[in-house]
PDB file of all heavy atoms in Angstrom:
ATOM      1  N   GLU A   1     158.425  65.848 -68.744  1.00  0.00           N
ATOM      2  CA  GLU A   1     158.336  66.141 -70.175  1.00  0.00           C
ATOM      3  C   GLU A   1     156.864  66.170 -70.595  1.00  0.00           C
ATOM      4  O   GLU A   1     156.084  65.287 -70.219  1.00  0.00           O
ATOM      5  CB  GLU A   1     159.074  65.081 -70.979  1.00  0.00           C
ATOM      6  CG  GLU A   1     158.984  65.290 -72.488  1.00  0.00           C
ATOM      7  CD  GLU A   1     159.548  64.128 -73.277  1.00  0.00           C
ATOM      8  OE1 GLU A   1     160.091  63.189 -72.660  1.00  0.00           O
ATOM      9  OE2 GLU A   1     159.422  64.160 -74.518  1.00  0.00           O
ATOM     10  N   LEU A   2     156.495  67.175 -71.359  1.00  0.00           N
ATOM     11  CA  LEU A   2     155.148  67.264 -71.902  1.00  0.00           C
ATOM     12  C   LEU A   2     155.133  66.657 -73.299  1.00  0.00           C
ATOM     13  O   LEU A   2     156.042  66.897 -74.093  1.00  0.00           O
ATOM     14  CB  LEU A   2     154.690  68.723 -71.974  1.00  0.00           C
ATOM     15  CG  LEU A   2     154.440  69.432 -70.640  1.00  0.00           C
ATOM     16  CD1 LEU A   2     154.138  70.905 -70.879  1.00  0.00           C
ATOM     17  CD2 LEU A   2     153.299  68.782 -69.872  1.00  0.00           C
ATOM     18  N   VAL A   3     154.115  65.878 -73.574  1.00  0.00           N
ATOM     19  CA  VAL A   3     153.969  65.292 -74.899  1.00  0.00           C
ATOM     20  C   VAL A   3     152.657  65.770 -75.509  1.00  0.00           C
ATOM     21  O   VAL A   3     151.662  65.983 -74.814  1.00  0.00           O
ATOM     22  CB  VAL A   3     154.004  63.753 -74.847  1.00  0.00           C
ATOM     23  CG1 VAL A   3     155.371  63.272 -74.448  1.00  0.00           C
ATOM     24  CG2 VAL A   3     152.949  63.215 -73.889  1.00  0.00           C
ATOM     25  N   GLU A   4     152.691  65.953 -76.816  1.00  0.00           N
ATOM     26  CA  GLU A   4     151.494  66.384 -77.536  1.00  0.00           C
ATOM     27  C   GLU A   4     150.828  65.184 -78.195  1.00  0.00           C
ATOM     28  O   GLU A   4     151.500  64.243 -78.629  1.00  0.00           O
ATOM     29  CB  GLU A   4     151.855  67.421 -78.608  1.00  0.00           C
ATOM     30  CG  GLU A   4     152.277  68.756 -78.050  1.00  0.00           C
ATOM     31  CD  GLU A   4     152.495  69.787 -79.138  1.00  0.00           C
ATOM     32  OE1 GLU A   4     152.569  69.389 -80.325  1.00  0.00           O
ATOM     33  OE2 GLU A   4     152.574  70.984 -78.821  1.00  0.00           O
ATOM     34  N   PHE A   5     149.518  65.229 -78.266  1.00  0.00           N
ATOM     35  CA  PHE A   5     148.768  64.176 -78.942  1.00  0.00           C
ATOM     36  C   PHE A   5     147.421  64.750 -79.351  1.00  0.00           C
ATOM     37  O   PHE A   5     146.955  65.766 -78.817  1.00  0.00           O
ATOM     38  CB  PHE A   5     148.581  62.952 -78.029  1.00  0.00           C
ATOM     39  CG  PHE A   5     148.017  63.286 -76.676  1.00  0.00           C
ATOM     40  CD1 PHE A   5     146.659  63.244 -76.441  1.00  0.00           C
ATOM     41  CD2 PHE A   5     148.862  63.651 -75.632  1.00  0.00           C
ATOM     42  CE1 PHE A   5     146.143  63.562 -75.205  1.00  0.00           C
ATOM     43  CE2 PHE A   5     148.353  63.972 -74.388  1.00  0.00           C
ATOM     44  CZ  PHE A   5     146.982  63.919 -74.178  1.00  0.00           C
ATOM     45  N   ALA A   6     146.823  64.092 -80.326  1.00  0.00           N
ATOM     46  CA  ALA A   6     145.525  64.539 -80.832  1.00  0.00           C
ATOM     47  C   ALA A   6     144.408  63.827 -80.076  1.00  0.00           C
ATOM     48  O   ALA A   6     144.517  62.644 -79.760  1.00  0.00           O
ATOM     49  CB  ALA A   6     145.419  64.256 -82.321  1.00  0.00           C
ATOM     50  N   VAL A   7     143.337  64.573 -79.782  1.00  0.00           N
ATOM     51  CA  VAL A   7     142.150  63.975 -79.166  1.00  0.00           C
ATOM     52  C   VAL A   7     140.923  64.496 -79.904  1.00  0.00           C
ATOM     53  O   VAL A   7     140.910  65.629 -80.417  1.00  0.00           O
ATOM     54  CB  VAL A   7     142.043  64.318 -77.672  1.00  0.00           C
ATOM     55  CG1 VAL A   7     143.187  63.712 -76.886  1.00  0.00           C
ATOM     56  CG2 VAL A   7     141.997  65.827 -77.456  1.00  0.00           C
ATOM     57  N   PRO A   8     139.865  63.684 -79.975  1.00  0.00           N
ATOM     58  CA  PRO A   8     138.631  64.160 -80.615  1.00  0.00           C
ATOM     59  C   PRO A   8     138.004  65.299 -79.814  1.00  0.00           C
ATOM     60  O   PRO A   8     137.994  65.275 -78.582  1.00  0.00           O
ATOM     61  CB  PRO A   8     137.730  62.917 -80.611  1.00  0.00           C
ATOM     62  CG  PRO A   8     138.662  61.753 -80.485  1.00  0.00           C
ATOM     63  CD  PRO A   8     139.784  62.242 -79.629  1.00  0.00           C
ATOM     64  N   ALA A   9     137.479  66.268 -80.527  1.00  0.00           N
ATOM     65  CA  ALA A   9     136.735  67.349 -79.878  1.00  0.00           C
ATOM     66  C   ALA A   9     135.287  66.941 -79.626  1.00  0.00           C
ATOM     67  O   ALA A   9     134.577  67.614 -78.890  1.00  0.00           O
ATOM     68  CB  ALA A   9     136.794  68.608 -80.737  1.00  0.00           C
ATOM     69  N   ARG A  10     134.880  65.846 -80.238  1.00  0.00           N
ATOM     70  CA  ARG A  10     133.519  65.327 -80.082  1.00  0.00           C
ATOM     71  C   ARG A  10     133.563  63.825 -80.331  1.00  0.00           C
ATOM     72  O   ARG A  10     134.605  63.288 -80.716  1.00  0.00           O
ATOM     73  CB  ARG A  10     132.576  65.986 -81.098  1.00  0.00           C
ATOM     74  CG  ARG A  10     132.966  65.714 -82.543  1.00  0.00           C
ATOM     75  CD  ARG A  10     131.995  66.288 -83.539  1.00  0.00           C
ATOM     76  NE  ARG A  10     132.367  65.952 -84.911  1.00  0.00           N
ATOM     77  CZ  ARG A  10     132.042  64.823 -85.528  1.00  0.00           C
ATOM     78  NH1 ARG A  10     131.322  63.899 -84.876  1.00  0.00           N
ATOM     79  NH2 ARG A  10     132.408  64.588 -86.766  1.00  0.00           N
ATOM     80  N   THR A  11     132.466  63.154 -80.083  1.00  0.00           N
ATOM     81  CA  THR A  11     132.407  61.727 -80.390  1.00  0.00           C
ATOM     82  C   THR A  11     132.406  61.524 -81.900  1.00  0.00           C
ATOM     83  O   THR A  11     131.611  62.139 -82.622  1.00  0.00           O
ATOM     84  CB  THR A  11     131.149  61.086 -79.779  1.00  0.00           C
ATOM     85  OG1 THR A  11     131.186  61.233 -78.355  1.00  0.00           O
ATOM     86  CG2 THR A  11     131.075  59.613 -80.122  1.00  0.00           C
ATOM     87  N   ILE A  12     133.312  60.685 -82.371  1.00  0.00           N
ATOM     88  CA  ILE A  12     133.410  60.371 -83.800  1.00  0.00           C
ATOM     89  C   ILE A  12     132.943  58.931 -83.974  1.00  0.00           C
ATOM     90  O   ILE A  12     133.530  58.001 -83.419  1.00  0.00           O
ATOM     91  CB  ILE A  12     134.840  60.552 -84.321  1.00  0.00           C
ATOM     92  CG1 ILE A  12     135.305  62.002 -84.100  1.00  0.00           C
ATOM     93  CG2 ILE A  12     134.936  60.184 -85.794  1.00  0.00           C
ATOM     94  CD1 ILE A  12     136.749  62.256 -84.470  1.00  0.00           C
ATOM     95  N   GLY A  13     131.862  58.732 -84.721  1.00  0.00           N
ATOM     96  CA  GLY A  13     131.287  57.407 -84.893  1.00  0.00           C
ATOM     97  C   GLY A  13     132.095  56.523 -85.819  1.00  0.00           C
ATOM     98  O   GLY A  13     132.895  57.001 -86.640  1.00  0.00           O
ATOM     99  N   ARG A  14     131.870  55.216 -85.703  1.00  0.00           N
ATOM    100  CA  ARG A  14     132.573  54.268 -86.552  1.00  0.00           C
ATOM    101  C   ARG A  14     132.267  54.539 -88.021  1.00  0.00           C
ATOM    102  O   ARG A  14     131.113  54.759 -88.414  1.00  0.00           O
ATOM    103  CB  ARG A  14     132.148  52.832 -86.217  1.00  0.00           C
ATOM    104  CG  ARG A  14     132.908  51.790 -87.034  1.00  0.00           C
ATOM    105  CD  ARG A  14     132.338  50.407 -86.863  1.00  0.00           C
ATOM    106  NE  ARG A  14     133.092  49.440 -87.635  1.00  0.00           N
ATOM    107  CZ  ARG A  14     133.019  49.288 -88.959  1.00  0.00           C
ATOM    108  NH1 ARG A  14     132.192  50.037 -89.676  1.00  0.00           N
ATOM    109  NH2 ARG A  14     133.767  48.383 -89.580  1.00  0.00           N
ATOM    110  N   GLY A  15     133.297  54.556 -88.854  1.00  0.00           N
ATOM    111  CA  GLY A  15     133.149  54.798 -90.275  1.00  0.00           C
ATOM    112  C   GLY A  15     133.084  56.264 -90.643  1.00  0.00           C
ATOM    113  O   GLY A  15     133.155  56.612 -91.829  1.00  0.00           O
ATOM    114  N   GLU A  16     133.008  57.153 -89.645  1.00  0.00           N
ATOM    115  CA  GLU A  16     132.923  58.591 -89.936  1.00  0.00           C
ATOM    116  C   GLU A  16     134.306  59.123 -90.307  1.00  0.00           C
ATOM    117  O   GLU A  16     135.312  58.806 -89.660  1.00  0.00           O
ATOM    118  CB  GLU A  16     132.381  59.329 -88.711  1.00  0.00           C
ATOM    119  CG  GLU A  16     132.021  60.777 -88.974  1.00  0.00           C
ATOM    120  CD  GLU A  16     131.341  61.414 -87.775  1.00  0.00           C
ATOM    121  OE1 GLU A  16     131.032  60.691 -86.805  1.00  0.00           O
ATOM    122  OE2 GLU A  16     131.121  62.642 -87.819  1.00  0.00           O
ATOM    123  N   VAL A  17     134.351  59.915 -91.353  1.00  0.00           N
ATOM    124  CA  VAL A  17     135.620  60.486 -91.808  1.00  0.00           C
ATOM    125  C   VAL A  17     136.020  61.625 -90.878  1.00  0.00           C
ATOM    126  O   VAL A  17     135.211  62.500 -90.553  1.00  0.00           O
ATOM    127  CB  VAL A  17     135.509  60.981 -93.259  1.00  0.00           C
ATOM    128  CG1 VAL A  17     136.818  61.639 -93.700  1.00  0.00           C
ATOM    129  CG2 VAL A  17     135.174  59.814 -94.179  1.00  0.00           C
ATOM    130  N   VAL A  18     137.271  61.612 -90.450  1.00  0.00           N
ATOM    131  CA  VAL A  18     137.776  62.604 -89.508  1.00  0.00           C
ATOM    132  C   VAL A  18     138.170  63.880 -90.250  1.00  0.00           C
ATOM    133  O   VAL A  18     138.930  63.840 -91.219  1.00  0.00           O
ATOM    134  CB  VAL A  18     138.999  62.050 -88.736  1.00  0.00           C
ATOM    135  CG1 VAL A  18     139.546  63.107 -87.774  1.00  0.00           C
ATOM    136  CG2 VAL A  18     138.624  60.776 -87.984  1.00  0.00           C
ATOM    137  N   ARG A  19     137.680  65.014 -89.747  1.00  0.00           N
ATOM    138  CA  ARG A  19     138.038  66.333 -90.290  1.00  0.00           C
ATOM    139  C   ARG A  19     138.943  67.061 -89.296  1.00  0.00           C
ATOM    140  O   ARG A  19     138.980  66.712 -88.121  1.00  0.00           O
ATOM    141  CB  ARG A  19     136.785  67.160 -90.548  1.00  0.00           C
ATOM    142  CG  ARG A  19     135.813  66.533 -91.546  1.00  0.00           C
ATOM    143  CD  ARG A  19     134.500  67.291 -91.545  1.00  0.00           C
ATOM    144  NE  ARG A  19     133.863  67.221 -90.227  1.00  0.00           N
ATOM    145  CZ  ARG A  19     132.715  67.834 -89.918  1.00  0.00           C
ATOM    146  NH1 ARG A  19     132.100  68.567 -90.822  1.00  0.00           N
ATOM    147  NH2 ARG A  19     132.217  67.712 -88.703  1.00  0.00           N
ATOM    148  N   ALA A  20     139.627  68.076 -89.779  1.00  0.00           N
ATOM    149  CA  ALA A  20     140.526  68.829 -88.901  1.00  0.00           C
ATOM    150  C   ALA A  20     139.767  69.459 -87.739  1.00  0.00           C
ATOM    151  O   ALA A  20     140.276  69.536 -86.617  1.00  0.00           O
ATOM    152  CB  ALA A  20     141.259  69.908 -89.707  1.00  0.00           C
ATOM    153  N   SER A  21     138.554  69.897 -87.989  1.00  0.00           N
ATOM    154  CA  SER A  21     137.759  70.534 -86.933  1.00  0.00           C
ATOM    155  C   SER A  21     137.284  69.536 -85.881  1.00  0.00           C
ATOM    156  O   SER A  21     136.787  69.939 -84.832  1.00  0.00           O
ATOM    157  CB  SER A  21     136.548  71.250 -87.541  1.00  0.00           C
ATOM    158  OG  SER A  21     135.735  70.337 -88.256  1.00  0.00           O
ATOM    159  N   ASP A  22     137.429  68.241 -86.158  1.00  0.00           N
ATOM    160  CA  ASP A  22     137.008  67.216 -85.200  1.00  0.00           C
ATOM    161  C   ASP A  22     138.067  66.952 -84.136  1.00  0.00           C
ATOM    162  O   ASP A  22     137.798  66.239 -83.160  1.00  0.00           O
ATOM    163  CB  ASP A  22     136.715  65.894 -85.919  1.00  0.00           C
ATOM    164  CG  ASP A  22     135.509  65.995 -86.851  1.00  0.00           C
ATOM    165  OD1 ASP A  22     134.597  66.785 -86.544  1.00  0.00           O
ATOM    166  OD2 ASP A  22     135.496  65.283 -87.875  1.00  0.00           O
ATOM    167  N   LEU A  23     139.282  67.496 -84.322  1.00  0.00           N
ATOM    168  CA  LEU A  23     140.391  67.180 -83.430  1.00  0.00           C
ATOM    169  C   LEU A  23     140.984  68.427 -82.800  1.00  0.00           C
ATOM    170  O   LEU A  23     140.919  69.524 -83.369  1.00  0.00           O
ATOM    171  CB  LEU A  23     141.498  66.444 -84.196  1.00  0.00           C
ATOM    172  CG  LEU A  23     141.119  65.132 -84.897  1.00  0.00           C
ATOM    173  CD1 LEU A  23     142.314  64.624 -85.686  1.00  0.00           C
ATOM    174  CD2 LEU A  23     140.638  64.095 -83.906  1.00  0.00           C
ATOM    175  N   VAL A  24     141.570  68.258 -81.626  1.00  0.00           N
ATOM    176  CA  VAL A  24     142.364  69.308 -80.977  1.00  0.00           C
ATOM    177  C   VAL A  24     143.660  68.661 -80.490  1.00  0.00           C
ATOM    178  O   VAL A  24     143.721  67.449 -80.274  1.00  0.00           O
ATOM    179  CB  VAL A  24     141.633  69.963 -79.789  1.00  0.00           C
ATOM    180  CG1 VAL A  24     140.422  70.737 -80.269  1.00  0.00           C
ATOM    181  CG2 VAL A  24     141.219  68.921 -78.755  1.00  0.00           C
ATOM    182  N   ILE A  25     144.703  69.476 -80.344  1.00  0.00           N
ATOM    183  CA  ILE A  25     145.976  68.980 -79.832  1.00  0.00           C
ATOM    184  C   ILE A  25     146.040  69.246 -78.334  1.00  0.00           C
ATOM    185  O   ILE A  25     145.870  70.373 -77.882  1.00  0.00           O
ATOM    186  CB  ILE A  25     147.166  69.658 -80.540  1.00  0.00           C
ATOM    187  CG1 ILE A  25     147.141  69.327 -82.034  1.00  0.00           C
ATOM    188  CG2 ILE A  25     148.482  69.193 -79.918  1.00  0.00           C
ATOM    189  CD1 ILE A  25     147.280  67.849 -82.346  1.00  0.00           C
ATOM    190  N   ASP A  26     146.257  68.183 -77.570  1.00  0.00           N
ATOM    191  CA  ASP A  26     146.378  68.292 -76.119  1.00  0.00           C
ATOM    192  C   ASP A  26     147.831  68.085 -75.737  1.00  0.00           C
ATOM    193  O   ASP A  26     148.635  67.580 -76.526  1.00  0.00           O
ATOM    194  CB  ASP A  26     145.486  67.242 -75.448  1.00  0.00           C
ATOM    195  CG  ASP A  26     145.193  67.584 -73.990  1.00  0.00           C
ATOM    196  OD1 ASP A  26     145.740  68.592 -73.494  1.00  0.00           O
ATOM    197  OD2 ASP A  26     144.415  66.841 -73.352  1.00  0.00           O
ATOM    198  N   ARG A  27     148.172  68.474 -74.510  1.00  0.00           N
ATOM    199  CA  ARG A  27     149.553  68.338 -74.031  1.00  0.00           C
ATOM    200  C   ARG A  27     149.506  67.972 -72.552  1.00  0.00           C
ATOM    201  O   ARG A  27     148.889  68.660 -71.755  1.00  0.00           O
ATOM    202  CB  ARG A  27     150.305  69.653 -74.242  1.00  0.00           C
ATOM    203  CG  ARG A  27     151.721  69.642 -73.708  1.00  0.00           C
ATOM    204  CD  ARG A  27     152.389  70.980 -73.875  1.00  0.00           C
ATOM    205  NE  ARG A  27     152.838  71.203 -75.235  1.00  0.00           N
ATOM    206  CZ  ARG A  27     153.611  72.217 -75.593  1.00  0.00           C
ATOM    207  NH1 ARG A  27     153.990  73.100 -74.697  1.00  0.00           N
ATOM    208  NH2 ARG A  27     153.990  72.349 -76.850  1.00  0.00           N
ATOM    209  N   LYS A  28     150.159  66.871 -72.194  1.00  0.00           N
ATOM    210  CA  LYS A  28     150.170  66.404 -70.809  1.00  0.00           C
ATOM    211  C   LYS A  28     151.542  65.826 -70.475  1.00  0.00           C
ATOM    212  O   LYS A  28     152.292  65.429 -71.370  1.00  0.00           O
ATOM    213  CB  LYS A  28     149.095  65.332 -70.571  1.00  0.00           C
ATOM    214  CG  LYS A  28     147.662  65.846 -70.651  1.00  0.00           C
ATOM    215  CD  LYS A  28     146.675  64.766 -70.244  1.00  0.00           C
ATOM    216  CE  LYS A  28     145.238  65.207 -70.427  1.00  0.00           C
ATOM    217  NZ  LYS A  28     144.896  66.394 -69.682  1.00  0.00           N
ATOM    218  N   PRO A  29     151.859  65.752 -69.155  1.00  0.00           N
ATOM    219  CA  PRO A  29     153.116  65.101 -68.764  1.00  0.00           C
ATOM    220  C   PRO A  29     153.130  63.648 -69.212  1.00  0.00           C
ATOM    221  O   PRO A  29     152.140  62.932 -69.083  1.00  0.00           O
ATOM    222  CB  PRO A  29     153.108  65.211 -67.229  1.00  0.00           C
ATOM    223  CG  PRO A  29     152.220  66.375 -66.936  1.00  0.00           C
ATOM    224  CD  PRO A  29     151.166  66.358 -68.006  1.00  0.00           C
ATOM    225  N   ARG A  30     154.292  63.229 -69.697  1.00  0.00           N
ATOM    226  CA  ARG A  30     154.390  61.875 -70.236  1.00  0.00           C
ATOM    227  C   ARG A  30     154.060  60.818 -69.185  1.00  0.00           C
ATOM    228  O   ARG A  30     153.414  59.806 -69.487  1.00  0.00           O
ATOM    229  CB  ARG A  30     155.799  61.640 -70.790  1.00  0.00           C
ATOM    230  CG  ARG A  30     155.984  60.262 -71.404  1.00  0.00           C
ATOM    231  CD  ARG A  30     157.396  60.060 -71.917  1.00  0.00           C
ATOM    232  NE  ARG A  30     157.691  60.896 -73.064  1.00  0.00           N
ATOM    233  CZ  ARG A  30     157.334  60.608 -74.317  1.00  0.00           C
ATOM    234  NH1 ARG A  30     156.663  59.499 -74.568  1.00  0.00           N
ATOM    235  NH2 ARG A  30     157.654  61.416 -75.301  1.00  0.00           N
ATOM    236  N   ASN A  31     154.471  61.043 -67.940  1.00  0.00           N
ATOM    237  CA  ASN A  31     154.261  60.000 -66.931  1.00  0.00           C
ATOM    238  C   ASN A  31     152.808  59.869 -66.491  1.00  0.00           C
ATOM    239  O   ASN A  31     152.471  58.977 -65.722  1.00  0.00           O
ATOM    240  CB  ASN A  31     155.154  60.250 -65.705  1.00  0.00           C
ATOM    241  CG  ASN A  31     154.803  61.546 -64.983  1.00  0.00           C
ATOM    242  OD1 ASN A  31     154.039  62.365 -65.481  1.00  0.00           O
ATOM    243  ND2 ASN A  31     155.371  61.729 -63.813  1.00  0.00           N
ATOM    244  N   THR A  32     151.933  60.769 -66.952  1.00  0.00           N
ATOM    245  CA  THR A  32     150.511  60.640 -66.628  1.00  0.00           C
ATOM    246  C   THR A  32     149.752  59.926 -67.738  1.00  0.00           C
ATOM    247  O   THR A  32     148.543  59.768 -67.649  1.00  0.00           O
ATOM    248  CB  THR A  32     149.868  62.026 -66.398  1.00  0.00           C
ATOM    249  OG1 THR A  32     149.870  62.769 -67.634  1.00  0.00           O
ATOM    250  CG2 THR A  32     150.611  62.799 -65.337  1.00  0.00           C
ATOM    251  N   LEU A  33     150.469  59.502 -68.779  1.00  0.00           N
ATOM    252  CA  LEU A  33     149.820  58.866 -69.923  1.00  0.00           C
ATOM    253  C   LEU A  33     150.431  57.492 -70.179  1.00  0.00           C
ATOM    254  O   LEU A  33     151.091  57.266 -71.196  1.00  0.00           O
ATOM    255  CB  LEU A  33     149.956  59.747 -71.170  1.00  0.00           C
ATOM    256  CG  LEU A  33     149.303  61.121 -71.081  1.00  0.00           C
ATOM    257  CD1 LEU A  33     149.765  61.996 -72.228  1.00  0.00           C
ATOM    258  CD2 LEU A  33     147.791  60.991 -71.089  1.00  0.00           C
ATOM    259  N   PRO A  34     150.231  56.554 -69.267  1.00  0.00           N
ATOM    260  CA  PRO A  34     150.840  55.228 -69.462  1.00  0.00           C
ATOM    261  C   PRO A  34     150.285  54.493 -70.666  1.00  0.00           C
ATOM    262  O   PRO A  34     150.893  53.554 -71.162  1.00  0.00           O
ATOM    263  CB  PRO A  34     150.481  54.497 -68.156  1.00  0.00           C
ATOM    264  CG  PRO A  34     149.259  55.204 -67.649  1.00  0.00           C
ATOM    265  CD  PRO A  34     149.445  56.640 -68.042  1.00  0.00           C
ATOM    266  N   MET A  35     149.094  54.926 -71.154  1.00  0.00           N
ATOM    267  CA  MET A  35     148.502  54.213 -72.293  1.00  0.00           C
ATOM    268  C   MET A  35     149.094  54.639 -73.626  1.00  0.00           C
ATOM    269  O   MET A  35     148.803  54.047 -74.648  1.00  0.00           O
ATOM    270  CB  MET A  35     146.980  54.434 -72.317  1.00  0.00           C
ATOM    271  CG  MET A  35     146.524  55.828 -72.789  1.00  0.00           C
ATOM    272  SD  MET A  35     146.938  57.167 -71.644  1.00  0.00           S
ATOM    273  CE  MET A  35     145.882  56.710 -70.262  1.00  0.00           C
ATOM    274  N   MET A  36     149.935  55.671 -73.630  1.00  0.00           N
ATOM    275  CA  MET A  36     150.508  56.136 -74.890  1.00  0.00           C
ATOM    276  C   MET A  36     151.497  55.114 -75.433  1.00  0.00           C
ATOM    277  O   MET A  36     152.313  54.554 -74.705  1.00  0.00           O
ATOM    278  CB  MET A  36     151.192  57.482 -74.709  1.00  0.00           C
ATOM    279  CG  MET A  36     150.219  58.647 -74.589  1.00  0.00           C
ATOM    280  SD  MET A  36     151.036  60.239 -74.863  1.00  0.00           S
ATOM    281  CE  MET A  36     151.428  60.132 -76.599  1.00  0.00           C
ATOM    282  N   THR A  37     151.425  54.855 -76.726  1.00  0.00           N
ATOM    283  CA  THR A  37     152.321  53.916 -77.391  1.00  0.00           C
ATOM    284  C   THR A  37     152.932  54.608 -78.605  1.00  0.00           C
ATOM    285  O   THR A  37     152.615  55.765 -78.913  1.00  0.00           O
ATOM    286  CB  THR A  37     151.550  52.657 -77.839  1.00  0.00           C
ATOM    287  OG1 THR A  37     150.519  53.052 -78.771  1.00  0.00           O
ATOM    288  CG2 THR A  37     150.913  51.961 -76.647  1.00  0.00           C
ATOM    289  N   ALA A  38     153.781  53.862 -79.291  1.00  0.00           N
ATOM    290  CA  ALA A  38     154.466  54.432 -80.446  1.00  0.00           C
ATOM    291  C   ALA A  38     153.498  54.808 -81.559  1.00  0.00           C
ATOM    292  O   ALA A  38     153.811  55.675 -82.383  1.00  0.00           O
ATOM    293  CB  ALA A  38     155.512  53.450 -80.976  1.00  0.00           C
ATOM    294  N   ASP A  39     152.319  54.178 -81.603  1.00  0.00           N
ATOM    295  CA  ASP A  39     151.381  54.480 -82.683  1.00  0.00           C
ATOM    296  C   ASP A  39     150.248  55.403 -82.227  1.00  0.00           C
ATOM    297  O   ASP A  39     149.248  55.540 -82.930  1.00  0.00           O
ATOM    298  CB  ASP A  39     150.803  53.194 -83.280  1.00  0.00           C
ATOM    299  CG  ASP A  39     149.958  52.407 -82.270  1.00  0.00           C
ATOM    300  OD1 ASP A  39     150.074  52.680 -81.065  1.00  0.00           O
ATOM    301  OD2 ASP A  39     149.204  51.523 -82.708  1.00  0.00           O
ATOM    302  N   THR A  40     150.419  56.068 -81.066  1.00  0.00           N
ATOM    303  CA  THR A  40     149.431  57.066 -80.650  1.00  0.00           C
ATOM    304  C   THR A  40     149.431  58.220 -81.647  1.00  0.00           C
ATOM    305  O   THR A  40     150.491  58.695 -82.065  1.00  0.00           O
ATOM    306  CB  THR A  40     149.750  57.592 -79.242  1.00  0.00           C
ATOM    307  OG1 THR A  40     149.638  56.516 -78.306  1.00  0.00           O
ATOM    308  CG2 THR A  40     148.784  58.702 -78.828  1.00  0.00           C
ATOM    309  N   VAL A  41     148.267  58.679 -82.017  1.00  0.00           N
ATOM    310  CA  VAL A  41     148.152  59.781 -82.977  1.00  0.00           C
ATOM    311  C   VAL A  41     148.565  61.080 -82.287  1.00  0.00           C
ATOM    312  O   VAL A  41     147.966  61.477 -81.279  1.00  0.00           O
ATOM    313  CB  VAL A  41     146.713  59.894 -83.512  1.00  0.00           C
ATOM    314  CG1 VAL A  41     146.573  61.116 -84.428  1.00  0.00           C
ATOM    315  CG2 VAL A  41     146.331  58.624 -84.273  1.00  0.00           C
TER     316      VAL A  41
END
């Protein structure tokens, strides 16, 4: 199963407001992402 999640397109510093252009949607097999949790963006 492939799951979608958001990842930064660049380094986002602490306190920096996130814009739509700062993120991209990635897709990977679920079993390759053991760190994914229910609150993953």
